[in-house]
Protein backbone atom coordinates (compact mmCIF):
# COMPACT_ATOMS: atom_id res chain seq x y z
CA MET A 1 -184.05 -21.91 186.15
CA ALA A 2 -183.75 -22.10 182.37
CA GLY A 3 -186.96 -22.30 180.37
CA LEU A 4 -187.77 -23.54 176.88
CA ARG A 5 -188.60 -20.55 174.67
CA LEU A 6 -189.14 -22.35 171.36
CA GLY A 7 -188.89 -25.87 170.01
CA PRO A 8 -187.93 -28.62 170.10
CA LEU A 9 -187.62 -29.19 166.37
CA LEU A 10 -186.49 -32.59 165.14
CA ARG A 11 -184.25 -31.72 162.19
CA TYR A 12 -181.67 -34.19 160.91
CA VAL A 13 -182.21 -37.95 161.10
CA ASP A 14 -179.39 -40.17 159.80
CA TRP A 15 -180.43 -42.42 156.91
CA ASP A 16 -176.92 -43.84 156.47
CA THR A 17 -176.56 -45.56 159.84
CA GLY A 18 -179.94 -44.96 161.47
CA GLY A 19 -178.13 -44.11 164.69
CA SER A 20 -178.18 -40.32 165.09
CA ALA A 21 -180.33 -37.19 164.87
CA THR A 22 -180.26 -33.50 165.80
CA ILE A 23 -182.83 -31.52 167.78
CA TRP A 24 -183.00 -27.70 167.79
CA VAL A 25 -184.15 -25.68 170.81
CA GLU A 26 -184.20 -22.08 172.00
CA ALA A 27 -183.83 -21.46 175.72
CA ASP A 28 -184.45 -18.26 177.66
CA ARG A 29 -180.93 -18.13 179.15
CA PRO A 30 -177.51 -19.83 178.84
CA CYS A 31 -177.70 -23.49 179.84
CA THR A 32 -176.90 -27.06 178.89
CA ALA A 33 -179.55 -28.55 176.62
CA GLU A 34 -179.99 -32.30 176.84
CA VAL A 35 -182.12 -34.85 174.99
CA ARG A 36 -182.92 -38.15 176.70
CA CYS A 37 -184.59 -40.95 174.79
CA ALA A 38 -186.62 -43.75 176.30
CA ASP A 39 -184.29 -46.35 174.77
CA GLY A 40 -181.17 -44.81 176.33
CA ALA A 41 -180.03 -42.75 173.35
CA GLY A 42 -179.35 -39.07 173.89
CA GLY A 43 -176.96 -36.17 173.85
CA SER A 44 -176.26 -32.76 175.33
CA VAL A 45 -174.63 -29.51 174.31
CA ARG A 46 -174.11 -26.03 175.70
CA THR A 47 -176.25 -23.23 174.22
CA PHE A 48 -174.73 -20.51 172.03
CA GLN A 49 -175.80 -16.86 172.06
CA ILE A 50 -176.99 -14.62 169.22
CA ALA A 51 -178.37 -11.13 169.93
CA GLY A 52 -179.35 -12.02 173.49
CA HIS A 53 -181.06 -15.29 172.48
CA HIS A 54 -179.80 -18.74 173.40
CA TYR A 55 -179.90 -21.74 171.07
CA ALA A 56 -178.72 -25.31 170.88
CA LEU A 57 -178.65 -27.97 168.19
CA VAL A 58 -178.41 -31.13 170.25
CA PRO A 59 -176.71 -34.15 168.63
CA VAL A 60 -178.52 -37.35 169.58
CA THR A 61 -176.55 -40.60 169.26
CA GLY A 62 -177.13 -44.23 170.12
CA LEU A 63 -180.47 -44.59 168.32
CA THR A 64 -181.52 -48.09 167.32
CA PRO A 65 -182.20 -48.38 163.56
CA GLY A 66 -185.71 -49.42 162.68
CA THR A 67 -187.28 -48.20 165.91
CA ALA A 68 -189.14 -45.17 167.22
CA THR A 69 -188.28 -43.83 170.66
CA ALA A 70 -189.92 -41.12 172.76
CA TYR A 71 -187.67 -38.34 174.01
CA GLU A 72 -187.67 -35.50 176.48
CA VAL A 73 -185.70 -32.24 176.62
CA LEU A 74 -183.91 -31.03 179.74
CA LEU A 75 -182.29 -27.66 180.39
CA ASP A 76 -179.66 -27.74 183.14
CA GLY A 77 -181.09 -31.11 184.18
CA VAL A 78 -184.71 -29.94 184.50
CA ARG A 79 -187.28 -31.44 182.13
CA VAL A 80 -188.97 -28.79 179.97
CA TRP A 81 -190.43 -30.99 177.22
CA PRO A 82 -192.94 -32.49 176.84
CA LEU A 83 -195.00 -29.68 178.29
CA PRO A 84 -197.13 -30.59 181.30
CA ASP A 85 -200.69 -31.38 180.22
CA GLY A 86 -199.74 -30.65 176.61
CA GLY A 87 -202.45 -32.97 175.30
CA PHE A 88 -200.31 -34.47 172.54
CA PRO A 89 -198.68 -37.89 172.09
CA PRO A 90 -195.02 -38.18 173.09
CA SER A 91 -192.52 -36.62 170.72
CA THR A 92 -190.55 -39.40 169.09
CA ILE A 93 -187.50 -39.93 166.90
CA THR A 94 -187.99 -42.60 164.25
CA ALA A 95 -184.65 -44.05 163.22
CA PRO A 96 -184.82 -45.67 159.79
CA ALA A 97 -183.79 -49.27 159.37
CA VAL A 98 -180.68 -49.54 157.21
CA ALA A 99 -178.82 -52.40 155.59
CA GLY A 100 -176.58 -54.21 158.05
CA SER A 101 -178.52 -53.04 161.11
CA GLY A 102 -179.98 -56.44 161.84
CA ARG A 103 -183.44 -55.23 160.82
CA PRO A 104 -185.04 -55.17 157.38
CA ALA A 105 -183.98 -52.01 155.57
CA ALA A 106 -186.60 -49.29 155.23
CA ASP A 107 -188.83 -50.23 152.29
CA GLY A 108 -189.97 -46.73 151.42
CA LEU A 109 -189.79 -43.01 151.96
CA ARG A 110 -192.66 -40.56 152.44
CA ILE A 111 -191.88 -36.89 151.80
CA THR A 112 -194.54 -34.26 152.44
CA PHE A 113 -193.88 -30.82 150.99
CA GLY A 114 -195.33 -27.37 150.42
CA SER A 115 -194.55 -23.69 150.82
CA CYS A 116 -196.01 -20.30 151.75
CA ARG A 117 -197.31 -20.57 155.29
CA GLN A 118 -198.52 -17.46 157.10
CA ALA A 119 -199.11 -18.53 160.68
CA VAL A 120 -201.61 -15.67 161.11
CA PRO A 121 -203.17 -13.68 158.25
CA PRO A 122 -201.61 -10.22 157.91
CA ALA A 123 -203.31 -7.10 159.21
CA GLY A 124 -205.72 -5.55 156.73
CA ARG A 125 -206.21 -8.74 154.72
CA HIS A 126 -209.81 -9.13 153.59
CA GLY A 127 -211.19 -12.57 154.37
CA PRO A 128 -209.58 -15.49 156.21
CA HIS A 129 -206.95 -17.82 154.81
CA GLY A 130 -208.96 -20.91 155.70
CA PRO A 131 -207.58 -23.89 157.63
CA ASP A 132 -203.80 -24.29 157.87
CA ALA A 133 -202.76 -27.48 156.04
CA LEU A 134 -199.75 -28.13 158.30
CA ASP A 135 -201.80 -27.50 161.43
CA THR A 136 -204.52 -29.84 160.12
CA LEU A 137 -201.95 -32.54 159.35
CA ALA A 138 -200.61 -32.23 162.90
CA ALA A 139 -204.09 -32.59 164.38
CA ARG A 140 -204.76 -35.70 162.32
CA LEU A 141 -201.50 -37.38 163.30
CA ALA A 142 -201.96 -36.46 166.97
CA ALA A 143 -205.50 -37.86 167.03
CA ASP A 144 -204.61 -41.15 165.33
CA PRO A 145 -201.46 -42.91 166.57
CA GLU A 146 -201.82 -45.43 163.71
CA ALA A 147 -201.87 -42.77 160.99
CA VAL A 148 -198.96 -42.99 158.55
CA ARG A 149 -196.52 -40.15 159.22
CA PRO A 150 -194.22 -38.48 156.72
CA ASP A 151 -190.59 -39.46 157.06
CA VAL A 152 -189.64 -35.86 156.40
CA LEU A 153 -191.26 -32.48 155.80
CA LEU A 154 -189.84 -30.25 153.07
CA LEU A 155 -190.63 -26.60 153.71
CA LEU A 156 -189.93 -24.92 150.39
CA GLY A 157 -189.88 -21.25 151.31
CA ASP A 158 -191.82 -18.43 152.90
CA GLN A 159 -191.75 -20.10 156.30
CA VAL A 160 -192.12 -16.58 157.72
CA TYR A 161 -193.33 -13.35 156.11
CA ALA A 162 -191.09 -10.44 157.03
CA ASP A 163 -193.16 -8.04 154.94
CA ALA A 164 -196.73 -9.04 155.86
CA LEU A 165 -197.25 -8.92 159.62
CA SER A 166 -200.19 -10.04 161.71
CA GLN A 167 -202.08 -7.47 163.76
CA GLU A 168 -200.57 -8.86 166.96
CA THR A 169 -197.00 -8.63 165.64
CA ARG A 170 -197.59 -5.10 164.32
CA GLN A 171 -198.75 -4.05 167.77
CA TRP A 172 -195.72 -5.70 169.38
CA ILE A 173 -193.36 -3.88 166.99
CA ALA A 174 -195.21 -0.58 167.46
CA ALA A 175 -194.41 -0.80 171.17
CA ARG A 176 -190.67 -0.77 170.41
CA ARG A 177 -190.38 1.68 167.46
CA ASP A 178 -192.35 4.19 165.39
CA LEU A 179 -194.12 2.45 162.50
CA ARG A 180 -194.26 5.75 160.62
CA GLU A 181 -190.53 5.39 159.95
CA ALA A 182 -189.16 2.94 157.38
CA PRO A 183 -189.53 0.06 157.04
CA GLY A 184 -192.87 0.70 158.72
CA ALA A 185 -195.02 -2.34 159.46
CA GLN A 186 -192.35 -4.78 158.38
CA VAL A 187 -189.56 -6.53 160.23
CA ALA A 188 -186.56 -4.28 160.82
CA ASP A 189 -184.01 -6.29 162.84
CA TYR A 190 -183.05 -9.63 164.36
CA GLU A 191 -185.25 -9.25 167.43
CA GLU A 192 -188.29 -8.70 165.27
CA TYR A 193 -187.42 -11.79 163.23
CA THR A 194 -187.44 -13.83 166.44
CA ARG A 195 -191.02 -12.69 166.95
CA LEU A 196 -191.97 -14.11 163.52
CA TYR A 197 -190.53 -17.52 164.38
CA ASP A 198 -192.26 -17.47 167.76
CA GLU A 199 -195.58 -16.74 166.07
CA SER A 200 -195.06 -19.44 163.45
CA TRP A 201 -193.68 -22.28 165.58
CA ARG A 202 -195.39 -21.79 168.96
CA ASP A 203 -198.77 -22.86 167.64
CA PRO A 204 -199.37 -26.02 169.75
CA GLU A 205 -200.12 -28.36 166.82
CA ILE A 206 -197.22 -27.06 164.74
CA ARG A 207 -194.88 -27.23 167.71
CA TRP A 208 -195.73 -30.88 168.33
CA LEU A 209 -195.54 -31.80 164.62
CA LEU A 210 -192.08 -30.25 164.19
CA SER A 211 -190.91 -32.00 167.36
CA THR A 212 -191.68 -35.45 165.95
CA VAL A 213 -191.37 -35.25 162.13
CA PRO A 214 -187.96 -34.23 160.73
CA SER A 215 -188.02 -31.08 158.61
CA LEU A 216 -185.76 -29.65 155.92
CA HIS A 217 -186.00 -26.00 154.89
CA ILE A 218 -185.00 -23.53 152.20
CA PHE A 219 -185.88 -19.85 152.01
CA ASP A 220 -187.83 -17.90 149.40
CA ASP A 221 -188.39 -14.18 149.02
CA HIS A 222 -190.83 -13.42 151.87
CA ASP A 223 -188.38 -14.89 154.40
CA VAL A 224 -186.51 -11.64 153.65
CA ILE A 225 -188.79 -9.43 151.49
CA ASP A 226 -191.13 -9.76 148.52
CA ASP A 227 -189.19 -9.98 145.21
CA TRP A 228 -185.88 -10.43 147.01
CA ASN A 229 -183.07 -10.21 144.40
CA THR A 230 -185.47 -9.88 141.49
CA SER A 231 -183.05 -7.65 139.52
CA ALA A 232 -179.91 -5.56 139.70
CA ALA A 233 -181.97 -2.34 139.58
CA TRP A 234 -184.17 -3.55 142.45
CA LEU A 235 -181.12 -4.42 144.55
CA ALA A 236 -179.47 -1.05 143.91
CA GLU A 237 -182.63 0.76 145.01
CA MET A 238 -182.91 -1.31 148.18
CA ARG A 239 -179.26 -0.77 149.10
CA ALA A 240 -179.81 2.97 148.81
CA THR A 241 -182.41 2.94 151.60
CA PRO A 242 -181.32 3.50 155.22
CA TRP A 243 -183.06 0.38 156.57
CA TRP A 244 -182.24 -2.37 154.04
CA GLN A 245 -178.81 -3.34 155.35
CA GLU A 246 -180.13 -4.19 158.81
CA ARG A 247 -183.11 -6.01 157.32
CA VAL A 248 -181.17 -8.29 155.00
CA LEU A 249 -178.45 -9.06 157.53
CA SER A 250 -181.05 -9.88 160.17
CA GLY A 251 -182.93 -12.05 157.68
CA LEU A 252 -179.81 -14.05 156.81
CA MET A 253 -178.70 -14.30 160.44
CA SER A 254 -182.07 -15.55 161.63
CA TYR A 255 -182.35 -17.98 158.72
CA TRP A 256 -178.94 -19.43 159.62
CA VAL A 257 -180.00 -19.93 163.24
CA TYR A 258 -183.62 -21.01 162.89
CA GLN A 259 -183.58 -22.90 159.61
CA HIS A 260 -180.20 -23.52 157.97
CA LEU A 261 -178.28 -25.14 160.82
CA GLY A 262 -180.78 -27.95 161.16
CA ASN A 263 -180.44 -28.80 157.45
CA LEU A 264 -176.86 -29.95 158.08
CA SER A 265 -175.66 -33.36 159.15
CA PRO A 266 -173.47 -33.78 162.27
CA ALA A 267 -170.47 -34.30 159.99
CA GLU A 268 -171.20 -31.08 158.12
CA LEU A 269 -171.65 -29.22 161.39
CA ALA A 270 -168.33 -30.54 162.68
CA ALA A 271 -166.62 -29.19 159.55
CA ASP A 272 -168.35 -25.80 159.74
CA GLY A 273 -165.83 -23.31 161.09
CA LEU A 274 -168.42 -20.60 161.68
CA TYR A 275 -170.64 -22.90 163.74
CA GLU A 276 -167.72 -24.02 165.89
CA ALA A 277 -166.51 -20.44 166.40
CA ILE A 278 -169.98 -19.26 167.45
CA ARG A 279 -170.36 -22.18 169.85
CA GLN A 280 -167.04 -21.33 171.49
CA ALA A 281 -167.64 -17.58 171.71
CA PRO A 282 -169.37 -16.00 174.72
CA ASP A 283 -171.54 -14.10 172.22
CA GLY A 284 -171.59 -15.11 168.56
CA THR A 285 -173.56 -12.11 167.28
CA ASP A 286 -170.64 -10.27 165.67
CA LEU A 287 -169.32 -13.45 164.05
CA LEU A 288 -172.69 -14.24 162.52
CA ARG A 289 -173.23 -10.66 161.44
CA THR A 290 -169.88 -10.63 159.65
CA PHE A 291 -170.84 -13.85 157.89
CA ALA A 292 -174.23 -12.45 156.84
CA SER A 293 -172.62 -9.26 155.58
CA ALA A 294 -170.22 -11.26 153.41
CA ALA A 295 -173.08 -13.44 152.14
CA ASP A 296 -175.05 -10.37 151.10
CA ALA A 297 -172.08 -8.62 149.48
CA ASP A 298 -170.76 -11.74 147.72
CA PRO A 299 -173.38 -14.50 147.44
CA ALA A 300 -170.77 -16.88 146.02
CA SER A 301 -169.00 -16.82 149.40
CA VAL A 302 -171.69 -18.95 151.04
CA ARG A 303 -173.72 -22.00 150.07
CA TRP A 304 -177.26 -22.39 151.37
CA SER A 305 -177.99 -25.35 149.09
CA TYR A 306 -177.50 -28.84 150.45
CA ARG A 307 -177.79 -32.53 149.62
CA ARG A 308 -179.47 -35.33 151.54
CA ASP A 309 -179.54 -39.00 150.58
CA PHE A 310 -182.39 -41.15 151.92
CA GLY A 311 -181.33 -44.64 150.97
CA ARG A 312 -181.71 -44.72 147.19
CA THR A 313 -183.45 -41.34 146.99
CA ARG A 314 -181.35 -38.20 146.53
CA LEU A 315 -182.58 -34.75 147.47
CA LEU A 316 -180.85 -31.58 146.28
CA MET A 317 -182.27 -28.44 147.92
CA VAL A 318 -181.28 -25.49 145.75
CA ASP A 319 -180.94 -21.83 146.71
CA THR A 320 -182.82 -19.92 143.98
CA ARG A 321 -182.70 -16.56 145.80
CA GLY A 322 -179.28 -15.78 147.22
CA ALA A 323 -177.21 -17.42 144.45
CA ARG A 324 -178.49 -15.31 141.55
CA VAL A 325 -176.47 -13.37 139.01
CA LEU A 326 -178.42 -10.14 138.42
CA ALA A 327 -176.45 -8.32 135.70
CA GLU A 328 -178.88 -7.99 132.77
CA ASP A 329 -176.31 -9.18 130.23
CA GLY A 330 -175.59 -12.34 132.21
CA ARG A 331 -178.64 -13.06 134.38
CA ALA A 332 -178.63 -16.49 135.99
CA MET A 333 -180.75 -18.18 138.60
CA LEU A 334 -177.58 -19.84 139.91
CA ASP A 335 -174.08 -18.42 139.87
CA PRO A 336 -171.39 -20.59 138.20
CA ALA A 337 -170.28 -22.21 141.46
CA GLU A 338 -173.86 -23.03 142.44
CA GLN A 339 -174.65 -24.40 139.00
CA GLY A 340 -171.51 -26.54 139.22
CA TRP A 341 -172.56 -27.81 142.66
CA LEU A 342 -175.99 -28.79 141.32
CA ARG A 343 -174.54 -30.61 138.34
CA GLU A 344 -171.87 -32.37 140.37
CA ASN A 345 -174.31 -33.67 142.97
CA ALA A 346 -176.94 -34.68 140.42
CA LEU A 347 -174.42 -36.79 138.51
CA ALA A 348 -172.33 -38.10 141.43
CA GLY A 349 -173.03 -41.80 141.80
CA HIS A 350 -175.34 -41.72 138.79
CA GLY A 351 -177.04 -45.09 138.77
CA GLY A 352 -176.76 -45.39 142.54
CA TYR A 353 -180.12 -43.81 143.27
CA ASP A 354 -183.66 -44.59 142.11
CA HIS A 355 -185.18 -41.13 142.52
CA LEU A 356 -183.71 -37.65 142.16
CA LEU A 357 -185.59 -34.82 143.88
CA ILE A 358 -184.62 -31.21 143.28
CA GLY A 359 -186.12 -28.81 145.80
CA SER A 360 -186.52 -25.42 144.13
CA SER A 361 -188.75 -22.89 145.84
CA LEU A 362 -189.53 -21.50 142.36
CA PRO A 363 -191.07 -23.82 139.74
CA TRP A 364 -189.08 -24.85 136.69
CA LEU A 365 -192.14 -25.53 134.49
CA MET A 366 -194.85 -22.87 134.69
CA PRO A 367 -198.14 -22.14 132.91
CA HIS A 368 -197.17 -21.57 129.27
CA LEU A 369 -198.37 -17.97 129.10
CA ILE A 370 -196.42 -17.05 132.24
CA HIS A 371 -193.29 -18.79 130.94
CA ASP A 372 -193.46 -16.86 127.66
CA ALA A 373 -194.19 -13.59 129.48
CA GLU A 374 -191.16 -14.06 131.73
CA THR A 375 -188.85 -14.89 128.82
CA TRP A 376 -190.18 -11.86 126.92
CA ASN A 377 -189.70 -9.70 130.01
CA ALA A 378 -186.08 -10.79 130.35
CA ALA A 379 -185.48 -9.78 126.73
CA MET A 380 -187.10 -6.38 127.28
CA CYS A 381 -185.05 -5.70 130.43
CA ARG A 382 -181.77 -6.46 128.72
CA GLY A 383 -182.64 -3.96 125.98
CA GLU A 384 -183.87 -6.15 123.12
CA ARG A 385 -186.40 -3.44 122.16
CA GLY A 386 -184.55 -0.41 123.45
CA PRO A 387 -184.40 1.68 126.64
CA ARG A 388 -188.10 2.54 126.83
CA TRP A 389 -189.14 -1.11 126.73
CA ALA A 390 -186.39 -1.89 129.25
CA ARG A 391 -188.01 0.53 131.71
CA VAL A 392 -191.44 -0.95 131.02
CA GLY A 393 -190.02 -4.44 131.51
CA GLU A 394 -188.42 -3.64 134.85
CA ASN A 395 -191.63 -2.13 136.17
CA LEU A 396 -193.67 -5.12 135.00
CA ARG A 397 -191.13 -7.57 136.39
CA ARG A 398 -191.61 -6.20 139.90
CA ARG A 399 -195.37 -5.71 139.76
CA SER A 400 -196.05 -9.18 138.34
CA ASP A 401 -193.34 -11.28 140.06
CA LEU A 402 -191.75 -12.30 136.75
CA GLU A 403 -188.73 -14.01 138.30
CA HIS A 404 -189.07 -17.78 137.97
CA TRP A 405 -186.70 -20.02 136.00
CA ALA A 406 -188.15 -18.76 132.70
CA ALA A 407 -187.03 -15.23 133.63
CA PHE A 408 -183.45 -16.56 133.52
CA PRO A 409 -183.50 -18.22 130.07
CA ALA A 410 -179.95 -19.56 130.14
CA SER A 411 -180.53 -21.12 133.57
CA PHE A 412 -183.82 -22.64 132.41
CA ALA A 413 -182.02 -24.25 129.48
CA ALA A 414 -179.15 -25.45 131.68
CA LEU A 415 -181.51 -27.07 134.20
CA THR A 416 -183.47 -28.67 131.36
CA ASP A 417 -180.28 -30.10 129.86
CA LEU A 418 -179.14 -31.42 133.24
CA LEU A 419 -182.44 -33.15 133.98
CA GLU A 420 -182.46 -34.74 130.54
CA GLU A 421 -178.88 -35.93 131.02
CA VAL A 422 -179.63 -37.41 134.44
CA GLY A 423 -182.83 -39.03 133.21
CA THR A 424 -181.40 -40.67 130.10
CA GLY A 425 -179.63 -44.00 129.62
CA PRO A 426 -179.49 -47.39 131.33
CA ARG A 427 -178.33 -45.92 134.65
CA ALA A 428 -181.10 -43.34 134.85
CA PRO A 429 -183.26 -43.17 137.98
CA ALA A 430 -186.93 -44.10 137.79
CA THR A 431 -188.05 -40.51 138.44
CA VAL A 432 -186.62 -37.02 138.39
CA CYS A 433 -188.90 -34.57 140.22
CA VAL A 434 -188.58 -30.82 140.70
CA LEU A 435 -190.45 -29.95 143.91
CA SER A 436 -191.62 -26.34 144.15
CA GLY A 437 -194.08 -23.90 145.70
CA ASP A 438 -194.40 -20.10 145.53
CA VAL A 439 -197.24 -19.72 142.99
CA HIS A 440 -200.22 -20.34 145.33
CA HIS A 441 -201.66 -23.25 143.42
CA ALA A 442 -200.75 -26.89 142.89
CA TYR A 443 -200.18 -28.77 139.65
CA VAL A 444 -198.30 -31.57 137.94
CA ALA A 445 -196.44 -30.88 134.70
CA GLU A 446 -194.35 -33.19 132.52
CA PRO A 447 -191.75 -32.21 129.92
CA LEU A 448 -191.82 -33.85 126.52
CA ILE A 449 -188.21 -34.99 126.40
CA PRO A 450 -186.74 -38.34 125.29
CA SER A 451 -185.69 -39.50 128.75
CA THR A 452 -185.60 -42.95 130.30
CA ALA A 453 -186.79 -41.61 133.65
CA ARG A 454 -190.20 -40.07 134.25
CA VAL A 455 -189.58 -36.34 134.77
CA PHE A 456 -192.05 -34.16 136.67
CA GLN A 457 -192.61 -30.66 137.94
CA LEU A 458 -194.55 -31.05 141.20
CA THR A 459 -195.75 -27.73 142.60
CA CYS A 460 -197.64 -27.31 145.87
CA SER A 461 -198.55 -23.97 147.43
CA PRO A 462 -199.80 -22.53 149.72
CA VAL A 463 -199.76 -24.33 153.05
CA HIS A 464 -201.68 -21.44 154.64
CA ASN A 465 -202.36 -18.36 152.57
CA SER A 466 -204.89 -17.00 150.10
CA ILE A 467 -205.08 -16.13 146.44
CA PRO A 468 -207.28 -13.43 144.85
CA THR A 469 -209.88 -14.56 142.34
CA ALA A 470 -208.25 -12.52 139.58
CA VAL A 471 -204.95 -14.33 140.10
CA LYS A 472 -206.71 -17.71 139.99
CA LEU A 473 -208.24 -16.74 136.67
CA GLY A 474 -204.83 -15.63 135.45
CA PHE A 475 -203.27 -19.01 136.25
CA ARG A 476 -206.14 -20.84 134.57
CA LEU A 477 -205.68 -18.66 131.49
CA GLY A 478 -201.94 -19.33 131.62
CA TRP A 479 -202.53 -23.08 131.28
CA SER A 480 -205.17 -22.76 128.54
CA ARG A 481 -204.91 -22.92 124.75
CA MET A 482 -205.71 -19.22 124.65
CA GLY A 483 -202.78 -18.67 127.02
CA ARG A 484 -200.45 -20.52 124.68
CA TRP A 485 -201.65 -18.38 121.76
CA LEU A 486 -201.06 -15.19 123.73
CA GLY A 487 -197.65 -16.47 124.79
CA ARG A 488 -196.58 -16.84 121.17
CA GLY A 489 -197.31 -13.13 120.76
CA PHE A 490 -194.87 -12.35 123.57
CA SER A 491 -192.26 -14.57 121.92
CA ARG A 492 -192.59 -12.79 118.58
CA HIS A 493 -192.34 -9.32 120.11
CA GLY A 494 -189.39 -10.25 122.29
CA ARG A 495 -187.62 -12.21 119.51
CA THR A 496 -187.10 -14.98 122.04
CA GLY A 497 -188.07 -17.97 119.90
CA ARG A 498 -189.75 -21.01 121.34
CA PRO A 499 -188.70 -22.62 124.67
CA PRO A 500 -186.01 -25.31 124.47
CA LEU A 501 -188.61 -27.96 125.31
CA SER A 502 -192.35 -28.53 125.40
CA TRP A 503 -194.35 -29.62 128.42
CA ARG A 504 -197.90 -30.37 129.39
CA ARG A 505 -199.95 -30.05 132.54
CA THR A 506 -201.09 -33.51 133.66
CA GLY A 507 -202.72 -32.53 136.94
CA GLY A 508 -204.43 -29.47 138.38
CA PRO A 509 -204.52 -26.60 138.78
CA TRP A 510 -205.75 -26.96 142.37
CA PHE A 511 -206.37 -23.95 144.61
CA GLY A 512 -206.53 -23.98 148.41
CA ASN A 513 -204.36 -24.74 151.43
CA GLN A 514 -202.64 -28.00 150.58
CA LEU A 515 -199.77 -30.45 150.94
CA MET A 516 -198.28 -32.93 148.49
CA THR A 517 -196.78 -36.25 149.57
CA LEU A 518 -194.41 -38.40 147.54
CA ALA A 519 -194.32 -42.08 148.53
CA LEU A 520 -191.20 -43.72 147.10
CA ALA A 521 -190.55 -47.46 147.28
CA GLY A 522 -187.97 -49.20 145.15
CA ARG A 523 -188.38 -47.71 141.69
CA THR A 524 -192.02 -46.78 142.17
CA ALA A 525 -193.36 -43.34 143.04
CA ARG A 526 -196.84 -42.34 144.11
CA LEU A 527 -198.12 -38.78 144.52
CA ARG A 528 -200.88 -37.63 146.82
CA LEU A 529 -202.40 -34.17 147.24
CA ASP A 530 -204.42 -33.27 150.33
CA GLN A 531 -206.40 -30.06 150.80
CA THR A 532 -207.99 -28.62 153.92
CA ARG A 533 -211.74 -28.48 154.38
CA LYS A 534 -213.68 -26.93 157.22
CA ASN A 535 -215.97 -29.19 159.23
CA ARG A 536 -218.05 -28.90 162.38
CA THR A 537 -215.12 -29.53 164.70
CA GLY A 538 -212.52 -27.46 162.86
CA ALA A 539 -210.82 -28.80 159.75
CA ARG A 540 -209.79 -31.99 158.02
CA LEU A 541 -207.53 -33.01 155.14
CA VAL A 542 -209.28 -34.31 152.03
CA GLN A 543 -207.44 -36.32 149.40
CA VAL A 544 -207.91 -34.80 145.95
CA LEU A 545 -205.22 -36.72 144.06
CA ASP A 546 -203.71 -40.18 144.37
CA ARG A 547 -201.58 -41.00 141.34
CA GLU A 548 -198.95 -43.57 140.44
CA LEU A 549 -196.16 -41.57 138.80
CA THR A 550 -194.14 -44.50 137.51
CA ALA A 551 -197.01 -46.29 135.77
CA ALA A 552 -196.65 -46.64 132.01
CA GLU A 553 -198.33 -43.83 130.07
């Protein structure tokens, strides 16, 4: 009898018709996966196989817009979800009300986002991470059926840490290979990646939350390795090692299976030749491996970025890792095709949406000192001060993670120009927000540009991780007047000039495990930040910010 190994995850929910969704599951053997809803909606599909594992992305049709319906999962006709005595409310699919459905159209959208979640602190880490913000959110929603749920979760990178393993996972890997051989106590292959997803998504609260709140994902570096694609020199060194090829291919393959597929709509899945070929093959491993190999060799051959429209809110999730151009004389965060995709989708139907959200795992606007340091570092690495400074710059780039938008000056300027173009004129949306994580603190920053829309950098990280005291002090310095003064010194030495725009921090910095929530209704936007706090019974979420973003300054 087939068993449920992982999931279910509620992924896509249709905001155009309100009538369909997709649910991802992993079974322990080949079978037919079926979803049955209490209102009669449902769907079934045969599993596909990758590296001895069996997956299904079940299309659910027949949902009634404007309603929530409980569902169950069956494998070969046997119910496997909800778990017996699971102790959680029923998993539900909430279908949004849409115009023409006979019900009032949805009057708002709530998006909760964050990044950097280590399910279990890595071995050797001193001190605990503190309460998990996503786990704490799940507990709150499970305990209070009347609590307002997010309409969607945006997971903005580092959903798993391939290079920082828990003690339990290290022991599991040590039982299958010698940790004294490279890559040591890091993930080496696809099977070990499956262990990371098990550890991250089998937590009971997380498992229930992901079964009932739709989630959208994009990777960041730790999903593959720290500093992934930071420079051409870094990549050349990695490709010279005997273990890197298997690592990167396994990282891309597992991301495609566990995260990327669920980002796609049923129409996009139907048009995806790779997905159809893998579903039809007895074993899709070689097909997926060939795809991953091509994606690594030629990043322009694949697109991980995607667009979702939620009524009059547009979300563009952007790949800021795999789509880079790394040549020092032409460094870019996005290759020309990716930059064209971003521009095309930001401007398509301009005037037809009230809010534009750009999901970028890496922040656009950073503390001023860090921005200037990254721009200076880019100048050093391309030889502005000669070969010796280029070597110093490359070493500093890797040690200090100098790889955000500012480290790609032309891309920073291009994104700035695009956001100003989108946000200007009578057809401009009410808000343009760049949603980011990565930097292990939260803040709100606003550019000083003559736009009609309110433009924001909203950064929230981590969901469950830690930050050394010295790094906290560094970020505080980076936002300070002293930091700005020091940054000007970098600019003079690097001959980089001033940034193409000015910006100011208007909220934060906040440190801790946390989640941000955007509540969008009509042309209004409200931002909330919740942080975890320990209490006698475990943990709770405490609101530390509640701000109207569209209020007049």
